[in-house]
mmCIF file of all heavy atoms, coordinates in Angstrom:
data_MODEL
# 
_entry.id   MODEL 
# 
loop_
_atom_site.group_PDB 
_atom_site.id 
_atom_site.type_symbol 
_atom_site.label_atom_id 
_atom_site.label_alt_id 
_atom_site.label_comp_id 
_atom_site.label_asym_id 
_atom_site.label_entity_id 
_atom_site.label_seq_id 
_atom_site.pdbx_PDB_ins_code 
_atom_site.Cartn_x 
_atom_site.Cartn_y 
_atom_site.Cartn_z 
_atom_site.occupancy 
_atom_site.B_iso_or_equiv 
_atom_site.pdbx_formal_charge 
_atom_site.auth_seq_id 
_atom_site.auth_comp_id 
_atom_site.auth_asym_id 
_atom_site.auth_atom_id 
_atom_site.pdbx_PDB_model_num 
ATOM 1   N N   . PHE A 1 1  ? -10.266 8.400   -5.939  1.00 0.00 ? 1  PHE A N   1 
ATOM 2   C CA  . PHE A 1 1  ? -11.733 8.757   -6.109  1.00 0.00 ? 1  PHE A CA  1 
ATOM 3   C C   . PHE A 1 1  ? -12.002 10.230  -6.365  1.00 0.00 ? 1  PHE A C   1 
ATOM 4   O O   . PHE A 1 1  ? -13.108 10.554  -6.600  1.00 0.00 ? 1  PHE A O   1 
ATOM 5   C CB  . PHE A 1 1  ? -12.402 8.335   -4.765  1.00 0.00 ? 1  PHE A CB  1 
ATOM 6   C CG  . PHE A 1 1  ? -12.231 6.970   -4.292  1.00 0.00 ? 1  PHE A CG  1 
ATOM 7   C CD1 . PHE A 1 1  ? -11.077 6.644   -3.544  1.00 0.00 ? 1  PHE A CD1 1 
ATOM 8   C CD2 . PHE A 1 1  ? -12.997 5.978   -4.591  1.00 0.00 ? 1  PHE A CD2 1 
ATOM 9   C CE1 . PHE A 1 1  ? -10.862 5.260   -3.060  1.00 0.00 ? 1  PHE A CE1 1 
ATOM 10  C CE2 . PHE A 1 1  ? -12.899 4.596   -4.397  1.00 0.00 ? 1  PHE A CE2 1 
ATOM 11  C CZ  . PHE A 1 1  ? -11.669 4.294   -3.558  1.00 0.00 ? 1  PHE A CZ  1 
ATOM 12  N N   . LYS A 1 2  ? -10.907 11.023  -6.303  1.00 0.00 ? 2  LYS A N   1 
ATOM 13  C CA  . LYS A 1 2  ? -11.080 12.515  -6.389  1.00 0.00 ? 2  LYS A CA  1 
ATOM 14  C C   . LYS A 1 2  ? -11.744 12.866  -7.810  1.00 0.00 ? 2  LYS A C   1 
ATOM 15  O O   . LYS A 1 2  ? -12.582 13.766  -7.821  1.00 0.00 ? 2  LYS A O   1 
ATOM 16  C CB  . LYS A 1 2  ? -9.756  13.179  -6.174  1.00 0.00 ? 2  LYS A CB  1 
ATOM 17  C CG  . LYS A 1 2  ? -9.986  14.764  -5.970  1.00 0.00 ? 2  LYS A CG  1 
ATOM 18  C CD  . LYS A 1 2  ? -10.570 14.894  -4.619  1.00 0.00 ? 2  LYS A CD  1 
ATOM 19  C CE  . LYS A 1 2  ? -10.584 16.338  -4.235  1.00 0.00 ? 2  LYS A CE  1 
ATOM 20  N NZ  . LYS A 1 2  ? -11.141 16.655  -2.763  1.00 0.00 ? 2  LYS A NZ  1 
ATOM 21  N N   . LEU A 1 3  ? -11.225 12.310  -8.725  1.00 0.00 ? 3  LEU A N   1 
ATOM 22  C CA  . LEU A 1 3  ? -11.660 12.773  -10.241 1.00 0.00 ? 3  LEU A CA  1 
ATOM 23  C C   . LEU A 1 3  ? -12.440 11.586  -10.916 1.00 0.00 ? 3  LEU A C   1 
ATOM 24  O O   . LEU A 1 3  ? -12.318 11.399  -12.047 1.00 0.00 ? 3  LEU A O   1 
ATOM 25  C CB  . LEU A 1 3  ? -10.487 13.260  -11.007 1.00 0.00 ? 3  LEU A CB  1 
ATOM 26  C CG  . LEU A 1 3  ? -9.689  14.381  -10.357 1.00 0.00 ? 3  LEU A CG  1 
ATOM 27  C CD1 . LEU A 1 3  ? -8.399  14.748  -11.200 1.00 0.00 ? 3  LEU A CD1 1 
ATOM 28  C CD2 . LEU A 1 3  ? -10.597 15.611  -10.313 1.00 0.00 ? 3  LEU A CD2 1 
ATOM 29  N N   . GLY A 1 4  ? -13.082 10.739  -10.111 1.00 0.00 ? 4  GLY A N   1 
ATOM 30  C CA  . GLY A 1 4  ? -13.716 9.525   -10.682 1.00 0.00 ? 4  GLY A CA  1 
ATOM 31  C C   . GLY A 1 4  ? -12.876 8.407   -10.261 1.00 0.00 ? 4  GLY A C   1 
ATOM 32  O O   . GLY A 1 4  ? -11.583 8.424   -10.294 1.00 0.00 ? 4  GLY A O   1 
ATOM 33  N N   . GLU A 1 5  ? -13.605 7.337   -9.777  1.00 0.00 ? 5  GLU A N   1 
ATOM 34  C CA  . GLU A 1 5  ? -12.784 6.218   -9.206  1.00 0.00 ? 5  GLU A CA  1 
ATOM 35  C C   . GLU A 1 5  ? -12.052 5.523   -10.380 1.00 0.00 ? 5  GLU A C   1 
ATOM 36  O O   . GLU A 1 5  ? -12.597 5.216   -11.472 1.00 0.00 ? 5  GLU A O   1 
ATOM 37  C CB  . GLU A 1 5  ? -13.924 5.209   -8.612  1.00 0.00 ? 5  GLU A CB  1 
ATOM 38  C CG  . GLU A 1 5  ? -13.273 4.050   -8.013  1.00 0.00 ? 5  GLU A CG  1 
ATOM 39  C CD  . GLU A 1 5  ? -14.273 3.027   -7.432  1.00 0.00 ? 5  GLU A CD  1 
ATOM 40  O OE1 . GLU A 1 5  ? -15.436 3.558   -7.107  1.00 0.00 ? 5  GLU A OE1 1 
ATOM 41  O OE2 . GLU A 1 5  ? -13.905 1.959   -7.037  1.00 0.00 ? 5  GLU A OE2 1 
ATOM 42  N N   . LYS A 1 6  ? -10.745 5.231   -10.080 1.00 0.00 ? 6  LYS A N   1 
ATOM 43  C CA  . LYS A 1 6  ? -10.023 4.403   -11.031 1.00 0.00 ? 6  LYS A CA  1 
ATOM 44  C C   . LYS A 1 6  ? -8.687  4.010   -10.212 1.00 0.00 ? 6  LYS A C   1 
ATOM 45  O O   . LYS A 1 6  ? -8.419  4.368   -9.225  1.00 0.00 ? 6  LYS A O   1 
ATOM 46  C CB  . LYS A 1 6  ? -9.489  5.373   -12.195 1.00 0.00 ? 6  LYS A CB  1 
ATOM 47  C CG  . LYS A 1 6  ? -8.891  6.743   -11.692 1.00 0.00 ? 6  LYS A CG  1 
ATOM 48  C CD  . LYS A 1 6  ? -8.592  7.485   -12.985 1.00 0.00 ? 6  LYS A CD  1 
ATOM 49  C CE  . LYS A 1 6  ? -8.054  8.870   -12.677 1.00 0.00 ? 6  LYS A CE  1 
ATOM 50  N NZ  . LYS A 1 6  ? -7.900  9.792   -13.702 1.00 0.00 ? 6  LYS A NZ  1 
ATOM 51  N N   . ARG A 1 7  ? -7.956  2.996   -10.882 1.00 0.00 ? 7  ARG A N   1 
ATOM 52  C CA  . ARG A 1 7  ? -6.864  2.457   -10.423 1.00 0.00 ? 7  ARG A CA  1 
ATOM 53  C C   . ARG A 1 7  ? -5.589  3.239   -10.820 1.00 0.00 ? 7  ARG A C   1 
ATOM 54  O O   . ARG A 1 7  ? -5.454  3.702   -11.976 1.00 0.00 ? 7  ARG A O   1 
ATOM 55  C CB  . ARG A 1 7  ? -6.596  0.995   -11.050 1.00 0.00 ? 7  ARG A CB  1 
ATOM 56  C CG  . ARG A 1 7  ? -5.626  0.217   -10.221 1.00 0.00 ? 7  ARG A CG  1 
ATOM 57  C CD  . ARG A 1 7  ? -6.201  -0.299  -8.913  1.00 0.00 ? 7  ARG A CD  1 
ATOM 58  N NE  . ARG A 1 7  ? -5.348  -1.268  -8.211  1.00 0.00 ? 7  ARG A NE  1 
ATOM 59  C CZ  . ARG A 1 7  ? -5.465  -1.576  -7.018  1.00 0.00 ? 7  ARG A CZ  1 
ATOM 60  N NH1 . ARG A 1 7  ? -6.318  -1.026  -6.219  1.00 0.00 ? 7  ARG A NH1 1 
ATOM 61  N NH2 . ARG A 1 7  ? -4.652  -2.482  -6.413  1.00 0.00 ? 7  ARG A NH2 1 
ATOM 62  N N   . GLU A 1 8  ? -4.834  3.675   -9.853  1.00 0.00 ? 8  GLU A N   1 
ATOM 63  C CA  . GLU A 1 8  ? -3.687  4.607   -10.123 1.00 0.00 ? 8  GLU A CA  1 
ATOM 64  C C   . GLU A 1 8  ? -2.427  3.960   -9.468  1.00 0.00 ? 8  GLU A C   1 
ATOM 65  O O   . GLU A 1 8  ? -2.392  3.026   -8.652  1.00 0.00 ? 8  GLU A O   1 
ATOM 66  C CB  . GLU A 1 8  ? -3.915  5.988   -9.664  1.00 0.00 ? 8  GLU A CB  1 
ATOM 67  C CG  . GLU A 1 8  ? -4.848  6.755   -10.506 1.00 0.00 ? 8  GLU A CG  1 
ATOM 68  C CD  . GLU A 1 8  ? -4.070  7.268   -11.801 1.00 0.00 ? 8  GLU A CD  1 
ATOM 69  O OE1 . GLU A 1 8  ? -2.822  6.859   -12.126 1.00 0.00 ? 8  GLU A OE1 1 
ATOM 70  O OE2 . GLU A 1 8  ? -4.657  7.949   -12.483 1.00 0.00 ? 8  GLU A OE2 1 
ATOM 71  N N   . THR A 1 9  ? -1.220  4.463   -9.859  1.00 0.00 ? 9  THR A N   1 
ATOM 72  C CA  . THR A 1 9  ? 0.007   4.080   -9.259  1.00 0.00 ? 9  THR A CA  1 
ATOM 73  C C   . THR A 1 9  ? 0.810   5.237   -8.799  1.00 0.00 ? 9  THR A C   1 
ATOM 74  O O   . THR A 1 9  ? 0.752   6.348   -9.407  1.00 0.00 ? 9  THR A O   1 
ATOM 75  C CB  . THR A 1 9  ? 0.855   3.322   -10.335 1.00 0.00 ? 9  THR A CB  1 
ATOM 76  O OG1 . THR A 1 9  ? 0.154   2.292   -10.813 1.00 0.00 ? 9  THR A OG1 1 
ATOM 77  C CG2 . THR A 1 9  ? 2.203   2.796   -9.778  1.00 0.00 ? 9  THR A CG2 1 
ATOM 78  N N   . TRP A 1 10 ? 1.507   5.135   -7.674  1.00 0.00 ? 10 TRP A N   1 
ATOM 79  C CA  . TRP A 1 10 ? 2.288   6.247   -7.137  1.00 0.00 ? 10 TRP A CA  1 
ATOM 80  C C   . TRP A 1 10 ? 3.693   5.770   -6.899  1.00 0.00 ? 10 TRP A C   1 
ATOM 81  O O   . TRP A 1 10 ? 3.902   4.564   -6.505  1.00 0.00 ? 10 TRP A O   1 
ATOM 82  C CB  . TRP A 1 10 ? 1.866   6.597   -5.778  1.00 0.00 ? 10 TRP A CB  1 
ATOM 83  C CG  . TRP A 1 10 ? 0.498   7.283   -5.759  1.00 0.00 ? 10 TRP A CG  1 
ATOM 84  C CD1 . TRP A 1 10 ? 0.373   8.691   -5.724  1.00 0.00 ? 10 TRP A CD1 1 
ATOM 85  C CD2 . TRP A 1 10 ? -0.892  6.849   -5.860  1.00 0.00 ? 10 TRP A CD2 1 
ATOM 86  N NE1 . TRP A 1 10 ? -0.954  9.110   -5.717  1.00 0.00 ? 10 TRP A NE1 1 
ATOM 87  C CE2 . TRP A 1 10 ? -1.774  7.834   -5.847  1.00 0.00 ? 10 TRP A CE2 1 
ATOM 88  C CE3 . TRP A 1 10 ? -1.396  5.429   -5.944  1.00 0.00 ? 10 TRP A CE3 1 
ATOM 89  C CZ2 . TRP A 1 10 ? -3.110  7.681   -5.936  1.00 0.00 ? 10 TRP A CZ2 1 
ATOM 90  C CZ3 . TRP A 1 10 ? -2.841  5.228   -6.084  1.00 0.00 ? 10 TRP A CZ3 1 
ATOM 91  C CH2 . TRP A 1 10 ? -3.609  6.439   -6.040  1.00 0.00 ? 10 TRP A CH2 1 
ATOM 92  N N   . VAL A 1 11 ? 4.766   6.646   -7.158  1.00 0.00 ? 11 VAL A N   1 
ATOM 93  C CA  . VAL A 1 11 ? 6.046   6.240   -6.864  1.00 0.00 ? 11 VAL A CA  1 
ATOM 94  C C   . VAL A 1 11 ? 6.293   6.531   -5.349  1.00 0.00 ? 11 VAL A C   1 
ATOM 95  O O   . VAL A 1 11 ? 5.840   7.415   -4.848  1.00 0.00 ? 11 VAL A O   1 
ATOM 96  C CB  . VAL A 1 11 ? 7.006   7.302   -7.605  1.00 0.00 ? 11 VAL A CB  1 
ATOM 97  C CG1 . VAL A 1 11 ? 8.460   6.905   -7.394  1.00 0.00 ? 11 VAL A CG1 1 
ATOM 98  C CG2 . VAL A 1 11 ? 6.781   7.081   -9.071  1.00 0.00 ? 11 VAL A CG2 1 
ATOM 99  N N   . ALA A 1 12 ? 6.999   5.647   -4.828  1.00 0.00 ? 12 ALA A N   1 
ATOM 100 C CA  . ALA A 1 12 ? 7.284   5.607   -3.299  1.00 0.00 ? 12 ALA A CA  1 
ATOM 101 C C   . ALA A 1 12 ? 8.773   5.440   -3.026  1.00 0.00 ? 12 ALA A C   1 
ATOM 102 O O   . ALA A 1 12 ? 9.573   5.259   -3.919  1.00 0.00 ? 12 ALA A O   1 
ATOM 103 C CB  . ALA A 1 12 ? 6.424   4.584   -2.535  1.00 0.00 ? 12 ALA A CB  1 
ATOM 104 N N   . ALA A 1 13 ? 9.030   5.583   -1.773  1.00 0.00 ? 13 ALA A N   1 
ATOM 105 C CA  . ALA A 1 13 ? 10.405  5.315   -1.249  1.00 0.00 ? 13 ALA A CA  1 
ATOM 106 C C   . ALA A 1 13 ? 10.649  3.870   -1.064  1.00 0.00 ? 13 ALA A C   1 
ATOM 107 O O   . ALA A 1 13 ? 9.678   3.118   -0.788  1.00 0.00 ? 13 ALA A O   1 
ATOM 108 C CB  . ALA A 1 13 ? 10.720  6.167   0.014   1.00 0.00 ? 13 ALA A CB  1 
ATOM 109 N N   . PRO A 1 14 ? 11.905  3.434   -1.078  1.00 0.00 ? 14 PRO A N   1 
ATOM 110 C CA  . PRO A 1 14 ? 12.246  1.998   -0.761  1.00 0.00 ? 14 PRO A CA  1 
ATOM 111 C C   . PRO A 1 14 ? 11.519  1.381   0.483   1.00 0.00 ? 14 PRO A C   1 
ATOM 112 O O   . PRO A 1 14 ? 11.229  0.251   0.454   1.00 0.00 ? 14 PRO A O   1 
ATOM 113 C CB  . PRO A 1 14 ? 13.709  1.932   -0.743  1.00 0.00 ? 14 PRO A CB  1 
ATOM 114 C CG  . PRO A 1 14 ? 14.269  3.087   -1.636  1.00 0.00 ? 14 PRO A CG  1 
ATOM 115 C CD  . PRO A 1 14 ? 13.141  4.125   -1.392  1.00 0.00 ? 14 PRO A CD  1 
ATOM 116 N N   . ILE A 1 15 ? 11.330  2.263   1.555   1.00 0.00 ? 15 ILE A N   1 
ATOM 117 C CA  . ILE A 1 15 ? 10.873  1.788   2.783   1.00 0.00 ? 15 ILE A CA  1 
ATOM 118 C C   . ILE A 1 15 ? 9.494   1.261   2.598   1.00 0.00 ? 15 ILE A C   1 
ATOM 119 O O   . ILE A 1 15 ? 9.014   0.472   3.447   1.00 0.00 ? 15 ILE A O   1 
ATOM 120 C CB  . ILE A 1 15 ? 10.932  2.898   3.857   1.00 0.00 ? 15 ILE A CB  1 
ATOM 121 C CG1 . ILE A 1 15 ? 10.601  2.386   5.216   1.00 0.00 ? 15 ILE A CG1 1 
ATOM 122 C CG2 . ILE A 1 15 ? 9.944   3.973   3.541   1.00 0.00 ? 15 ILE A CG2 1 
ATOM 123 C CD1 . ILE A 1 15 ? 11.552  1.316   5.746   1.00 0.00 ? 15 ILE A CD1 1 
ATOM 124 N N   . ALA A 1 16 ? 8.704   1.684   1.521   1.00 0.00 ? 16 ALA A N   1 
ATOM 125 C CA  . ALA A 1 16 ? 7.344   1.282   1.335   1.00 0.00 ? 16 ALA A CA  1 
ATOM 126 C C   . ALA A 1 16 ? 7.248   -0.294  1.165   1.00 0.00 ? 16 ALA A C   1 
ATOM 127 O O   . ALA A 1 16 ? 6.379   -0.919  1.594   1.00 0.00 ? 16 ALA A O   1 
ATOM 128 C CB  . ALA A 1 16 ? 6.786   1.938   0.029   1.00 0.00 ? 16 ALA A CB  1 
ATOM 129 N N   . GLU A 1 17 ? 8.359   -0.832  0.582   1.00 0.00 ? 17 GLU A N   1 
ATOM 130 C CA  . GLU A 1 17 ? 8.372   -2.305  0.354   1.00 0.00 ? 17 GLU A CA  1 
ATOM 131 C C   . GLU A 1 17 ? 8.300   -3.031  1.832   1.00 0.00 ? 17 GLU A C   1 
ATOM 132 O O   . GLU A 1 17 ? 7.560   -3.938  1.926   1.00 0.00 ? 17 GLU A O   1 
ATOM 133 C CB  . GLU A 1 17 ? 9.567   -2.739  -0.339  1.00 0.00 ? 17 GLU A CB  1 
ATOM 134 C CG  . GLU A 1 17 ? 9.622   -4.214  -0.511  1.00 0.00 ? 17 GLU A CG  1 
ATOM 135 C CD  . GLU A 1 17 ? 11.005  -4.546  -1.271  1.00 0.00 ? 17 GLU A CD  1 
ATOM 136 O OE1 . GLU A 1 17 ? 11.882  -3.794  -1.483  1.00 0.00 ? 17 GLU A OE1 1 
ATOM 137 O OE2 . GLU A 1 17 ? 11.086  -5.804  -1.599  1.00 0.00 ? 17 GLU A OE2 1 
ATOM 138 N N   . LYS A 1 18 ? 9.139   -2.550  2.712   1.00 0.00 ? 18 LYS A N   1 
ATOM 139 C CA  . LYS A 1 18 ? 9.210   -3.055  3.983   1.00 0.00 ? 18 LYS A CA  1 
ATOM 140 C C   . LYS A 1 18 ? 8.021   -2.900  4.756   1.00 0.00 ? 18 LYS A C   1 
ATOM 141 O O   . LYS A 1 18 ? 7.549   -3.744  5.481   1.00 0.00 ? 18 LYS A O   1 
ATOM 142 C CB  . LYS A 1 18 ? 10.479  -2.595  4.609   1.00 0.00 ? 18 LYS A CB  1 
ATOM 143 C CG  . LYS A 1 18 ? 11.807  -3.004  4.072   1.00 0.00 ? 18 LYS A CG  1 
ATOM 144 C CD  . LYS A 1 18 ? 12.954  -2.364  4.803   1.00 0.00 ? 18 LYS A CD  1 
ATOM 145 C CE  . LYS A 1 18 ? 14.283  -2.722  4.217   1.00 0.00 ? 18 LYS A CE  1 
ATOM 146 N NZ  . LYS A 1 18 ? 15.414  -2.180  4.892   1.00 0.00 ? 18 LYS A NZ  1 
ATOM 147 N N   . ALA A 1 19 ? 7.451   -1.663  4.675   1.00 0.00 ? 19 ALA A N   1 
ATOM 148 C CA  . ALA A 1 19 ? 6.200   -1.262  5.349   1.00 0.00 ? 19 ALA A CA  1 
ATOM 149 C C   . ALA A 1 19 ? 5.086   -2.148  4.886   1.00 0.00 ? 19 ALA A C   1 
ATOM 150 O O   . ALA A 1 19 ? 4.263   -2.759  5.894   1.00 0.00 ? 19 ALA A O   1 
ATOM 151 C CB  . ALA A 1 19 ? 5.849   0.243   5.162   1.00 0.00 ? 19 ALA A CB  1 
ATOM 152 N N   . ILE A 1 20 ? 4.907   -2.377  3.581   1.00 0.00 ? 20 ILE A N   1 
ATOM 153 C CA  . ILE A 1 20 ? 3.795   -3.320  3.216   1.00 0.00 ? 20 ILE A CA  1 
ATOM 154 C C   . ILE A 1 20 ? 4.030   -4.707  3.548   1.00 0.00 ? 20 ILE A C   1 
ATOM 155 O O   . ILE A 1 20 ? 3.012   -5.352  4.153   1.00 0.00 ? 20 ILE A O   1 
ATOM 156 C CB  . ILE A 1 20 ? 3.638   -3.141  1.670   1.00 0.00 ? 20 ILE A CB  1 
ATOM 157 C CG1 . ILE A 1 20 ? 3.330   -1.923  1.139   1.00 0.00 ? 20 ILE A CG1 1 
ATOM 158 C CG2 . ILE A 1 20 ? 2.702   -4.238  1.077   1.00 0.00 ? 20 ILE A CG2 1 
ATOM 159 C CD1 . ILE A 1 20 ? 1.971   -1.371  1.652   1.00 0.00 ? 20 ILE A CD1 1 
ATOM 160 N N   . GLU A 1 21 ? 5.243   -5.136  3.611   1.00 0.00 ? 21 GLU A N   1 
ATOM 161 C CA  . GLU A 1 21 ? 5.517   -6.501  4.083   1.00 0.00 ? 21 GLU A CA  1 
ATOM 162 C C   . GLU A 1 21 ? 5.248   -6.747  5.470   1.00 0.00 ? 21 GLU A C   1 
ATOM 163 O O   . GLU A 1 21 ? 4.544   -7.744  5.784   1.00 0.00 ? 21 GLU A O   1 
ATOM 164 C CB  . GLU A 1 21 ? 7.051   -6.806  3.708   1.00 0.00 ? 21 GLU A CB  1 
ATOM 165 C CG  . GLU A 1 21 ? 7.451   -8.235  4.179   1.00 0.00 ? 21 GLU A CG  1 
ATOM 166 C CD  . GLU A 1 21 ? 8.978   -8.482  3.875   1.00 0.00 ? 21 GLU A CD  1 
ATOM 167 O OE1 . GLU A 1 21 ? 9.636   -7.598  3.171   1.00 0.00 ? 21 GLU A OE1 1 
ATOM 168 O OE2 . GLU A 1 21 ? 9.440   -9.502  4.328   1.00 0.00 ? 21 GLU A OE2 1 
ATOM 169 N N   . LEU A 1 22 ? 5.635   -5.746  6.297   1.00 0.00 ? 22 LEU A N   1 
ATOM 170 C CA  . LEU A 1 22 ? 5.440   -5.823  7.769   1.00 0.00 ? 22 LEU A CA  1 
ATOM 171 C C   . LEU A 1 22 ? 3.968   -5.774  8.052   1.00 0.00 ? 22 LEU A C   1 
ATOM 172 O O   . LEU A 1 22 ? 3.444   -6.626  8.820   1.00 0.00 ? 22 LEU A O   1 
ATOM 173 C CB  . LEU A 1 22 ? 6.292   -4.782  8.470   1.00 0.00 ? 22 LEU A CB  1 
ATOM 174 C CG  . LEU A 1 22 ? 6.009   -4.752  9.979   1.00 0.00 ? 22 LEU A CG  1 
ATOM 175 C CD1 . LEU A 1 22 ? 6.443   -6.034  10.681  1.00 0.00 ? 22 LEU A CD1 1 
ATOM 176 C CD2 . LEU A 1 22 ? 6.804   -3.576  10.565  1.00 0.00 ? 22 LEU A CD2 1 
ATOM 177 N N   . VAL A 1 23 ? 3.231   -4.732  7.586   1.00 0.00 ? 23 VAL A N   1 
ATOM 178 C CA  . VAL A 1 23 ? 1.877   -4.622  7.933   1.00 0.00 ? 23 VAL A CA  1 
ATOM 179 C C   . VAL A 1 23 ? 1.040   -5.691  7.388   1.00 0.00 ? 23 VAL A C   1 
ATOM 180 O O   . VAL A 1 23 ? -0.067  -6.230  8.027   1.00 0.00 ? 23 VAL A O   1 
ATOM 181 C CB  . VAL A 1 23 ? 1.311   -3.129  7.650   1.00 0.00 ? 23 VAL A CB  1 
ATOM 182 C CG1 . VAL A 1 23 ? 1.034   -3.220  6.095   1.00 0.00 ? 23 VAL A CG1 1 
ATOM 183 C CG2 . VAL A 1 23 ? 0.092   -2.871  8.357   1.00 0.00 ? 23 VAL A CG2 1 
ATOM 184 N N   . SER A 1 24 ? 1.388   -6.230  6.313   1.00 0.00 ? 24 SER A N   1 
ATOM 185 C CA  . SER A 1 24 ? 0.686   -7.388  5.743   1.00 0.00 ? 24 SER A CA  1 
ATOM 186 C C   . SER A 1 24 ? 0.606   -8.585  6.679   1.00 0.00 ? 24 SER A C   1 
ATOM 187 O O   . SER A 1 24 ? -0.297  -9.351  6.877   1.00 0.00 ? 24 SER A O   1 
ATOM 188 C CB  . SER A 1 24 ? 1.229   -7.741  4.419   1.00 0.00 ? 24 SER A CB  1 
ATOM 189 O OG  . SER A 1 24 ? 1.055   -6.719  3.417   1.00 0.00 ? 24 SER A OG  1 
ATOM 190 N N   . THR A 1 25 ? 1.853   -8.809  7.129   1.00 0.00 ? 25 THR A N   1 
ATOM 191 C CA  . THR A 1 25 ? 2.021   -9.990  8.123   1.00 0.00 ? 25 THR A CA  1 
ATOM 192 C C   . THR A 1 25 ? 1.350   -9.712  9.580   1.00 0.00 ? 25 THR A C   1 
ATOM 193 O O   . THR A 1 25 ? 0.612   -10.506 10.021  1.00 0.00 ? 25 THR A O   1 
ATOM 194 C CB  . THR A 1 25 ? 3.530   -10.297 8.433   1.00 0.00 ? 25 THR A CB  1 
ATOM 195 O OG1 . THR A 1 25 ? 4.219   -10.393 7.256   1.00 0.00 ? 25 THR A OG1 1 
ATOM 196 C CG2 . THR A 1 25 ? 3.733   -11.348 9.349   1.00 0.00 ? 25 THR A CG2 1 
ATOM 197 N N   . LEU A 1 26 ? 1.348   -8.467  10.078  1.00 0.00 ? 26 LEU A N   1 
ATOM 198 C CA  . LEU A 1 26 ? 0.744   -8.169  11.250  1.00 0.00 ? 26 LEU A CA  1 
ATOM 199 C C   . LEU A 1 26 ? -0.675  -8.224  11.325  1.00 0.00 ? 26 LEU A C   1 
ATOM 200 O O   . LEU A 1 26 ? -1.363  -8.652  12.268  1.00 0.00 ? 26 LEU A O   1 
ATOM 201 C CB  . LEU A 1 26 ? 1.216   -6.766  11.719  1.00 0.00 ? 26 LEU A CB  1 
ATOM 202 C CG  . LEU A 1 26 ? 2.711   -6.608  11.972  1.00 0.00 ? 26 LEU A CG  1 
ATOM 203 C CD1 . LEU A 1 26 ? 2.950   -5.075  12.425  1.00 0.00 ? 26 LEU A CD1 1 
ATOM 204 C CD2 . LEU A 1 26 ? 3.297   -7.502  12.948  1.00 0.00 ? 26 LEU A CD2 1 
ATOM 205 N N   . THR A 1 27 ? -1.396  -7.874  10.270  1.00 0.00 ? 27 THR A N   1 
ATOM 206 C CA  . THR A 1 27 ? -2.793  -7.723  10.216  1.00 0.00 ? 27 THR A CA  1 
ATOM 207 C C   . THR A 1 27 ? -3.410  -8.962  9.459   1.00 0.00 ? 27 THR A C   1 
ATOM 208 O O   . THR A 1 27 ? -4.747  -8.887  9.247   1.00 0.00 ? 27 THR A O   1 
ATOM 209 C CB  . THR A 1 27 ? -3.326  -6.431  9.477   1.00 0.00 ? 27 THR A CB  1 
ATOM 210 O OG1 . THR A 1 27 ? -2.818  -6.470  8.102   1.00 0.00 ? 27 THR A OG1 1 
ATOM 211 C CG2 . THR A 1 27 ? -2.776  -5.299  10.207  1.00 0.00 ? 27 THR A CG2 1 
ATOM 212 N N   . LYS A 1 28 ? -2.702  -9.902  9.044   1.00 0.00 ? 28 LYS A N   1 
ATOM 213 C CA  . LYS A 1 28 ? -3.244  -11.112 8.216   1.00 0.00 ? 28 LYS A CA  1 
ATOM 214 C C   . LYS A 1 28 ? -4.323  -11.676 8.999   1.00 0.00 ? 28 LYS A C   1 
ATOM 215 O O   . LYS A 1 28 ? -5.510  -11.961 8.426   1.00 0.00 ? 28 LYS A O   1 
ATOM 216 C CB  . LYS A 1 28 ? -2.065  -12.088 7.960   1.00 0.00 ? 28 LYS A CB  1 
ATOM 217 C CG  . LYS A 1 28 ? -2.446  -13.142 7.086   1.00 0.00 ? 28 LYS A CG  1 
ATOM 218 C CD  . LYS A 1 28 ? -1.442  -14.208 6.855   1.00 0.00 ? 28 LYS A CD  1 
ATOM 219 C CE  . LYS A 1 28 ? -1.854  -15.365 6.014   1.00 0.00 ? 28 LYS A CE  1 
ATOM 220 N NZ  . LYS A 1 28 ? -0.667  -16.344 5.751   1.00 0.00 ? 28 LYS A NZ  1 
ATOM 221 N N   . ALA A 1 29 ? -4.206  -12.122 10.169  1.00 0.00 ? 29 ALA A N   1 
ATOM 222 C CA  . ALA A 1 29 ? -5.251  -12.808 10.994  1.00 0.00 ? 29 ALA A CA  1 
ATOM 223 C C   . ALA A 1 29 ? -6.533  -11.936 11.016  1.00 0.00 ? 29 ALA A C   1 
ATOM 224 O O   . ALA A 1 29 ? -7.699  -12.418 11.077  1.00 0.00 ? 29 ALA A O   1 
ATOM 225 C CB  . ALA A 1 29 ? -4.764  -13.239 12.308  1.00 0.00 ? 29 ALA A CB  1 
ATOM 226 N N   . TRP A 1 30 ? -6.342  -10.646 11.243  1.00 0.00 ? 30 TRP A N   1 
ATOM 227 C CA  . TRP A 1 30 ? -7.520  -9.733  11.430  1.00 0.00 ? 30 TRP A CA  1 
ATOM 228 C C   . TRP A 1 30 ? -8.279  -9.532  10.154  1.00 0.00 ? 30 TRP A C   1 
ATOM 229 O O   . TRP A 1 30 ? -9.549  -9.437  10.141  1.00 0.00 ? 30 TRP A O   1 
ATOM 230 C CB  . TRP A 1 30 ? -7.113  -8.375  11.854  1.00 0.00 ? 30 TRP A CB  1 
ATOM 231 C CG  . TRP A 1 30 ? -6.456  -8.362  13.158  1.00 0.00 ? 30 TRP A CG  1 
ATOM 232 C CD1 . TRP A 1 30 ? -6.666  -9.292  14.324  1.00 0.00 ? 30 TRP A CD1 1 
ATOM 233 C CD2 . TRP A 1 30 ? -5.606  -7.359  13.840  1.00 0.00 ? 30 TRP A CD2 1 
ATOM 234 N NE1 . TRP A 1 30 ? -6.047  -8.986  15.428  1.00 0.00 ? 30 TRP A NE1 1 
ATOM 235 C CE2 . TRP A 1 30 ? -5.559  -7.795  15.176  1.00 0.00 ? 30 TRP A CE2 1 
ATOM 236 C CE3 . TRP A 1 30 ? -5.120  -6.173  13.326  1.00 0.00 ? 30 TRP A CE3 1 
ATOM 237 C CZ2 . TRP A 1 30 ? -4.695  -6.999  16.129  1.00 0.00 ? 30 TRP A CZ2 1 
ATOM 238 C CZ3 . TRP A 1 30 ? -4.301  -5.429  14.349  1.00 0.00 ? 30 TRP A CZ3 1 
ATOM 239 C CH2 . TRP A 1 30 ? -4.094  -5.808  15.656  1.00 0.00 ? 30 TRP A CH2 1 
# 
């Protein structure tokens, strides 16, 4: 949102895959 709202992509570490997988499961019901 800093320079106008748009969709962007960031390079991350491999642990990001596991983090997204875990938190997606944990907060699904909420």
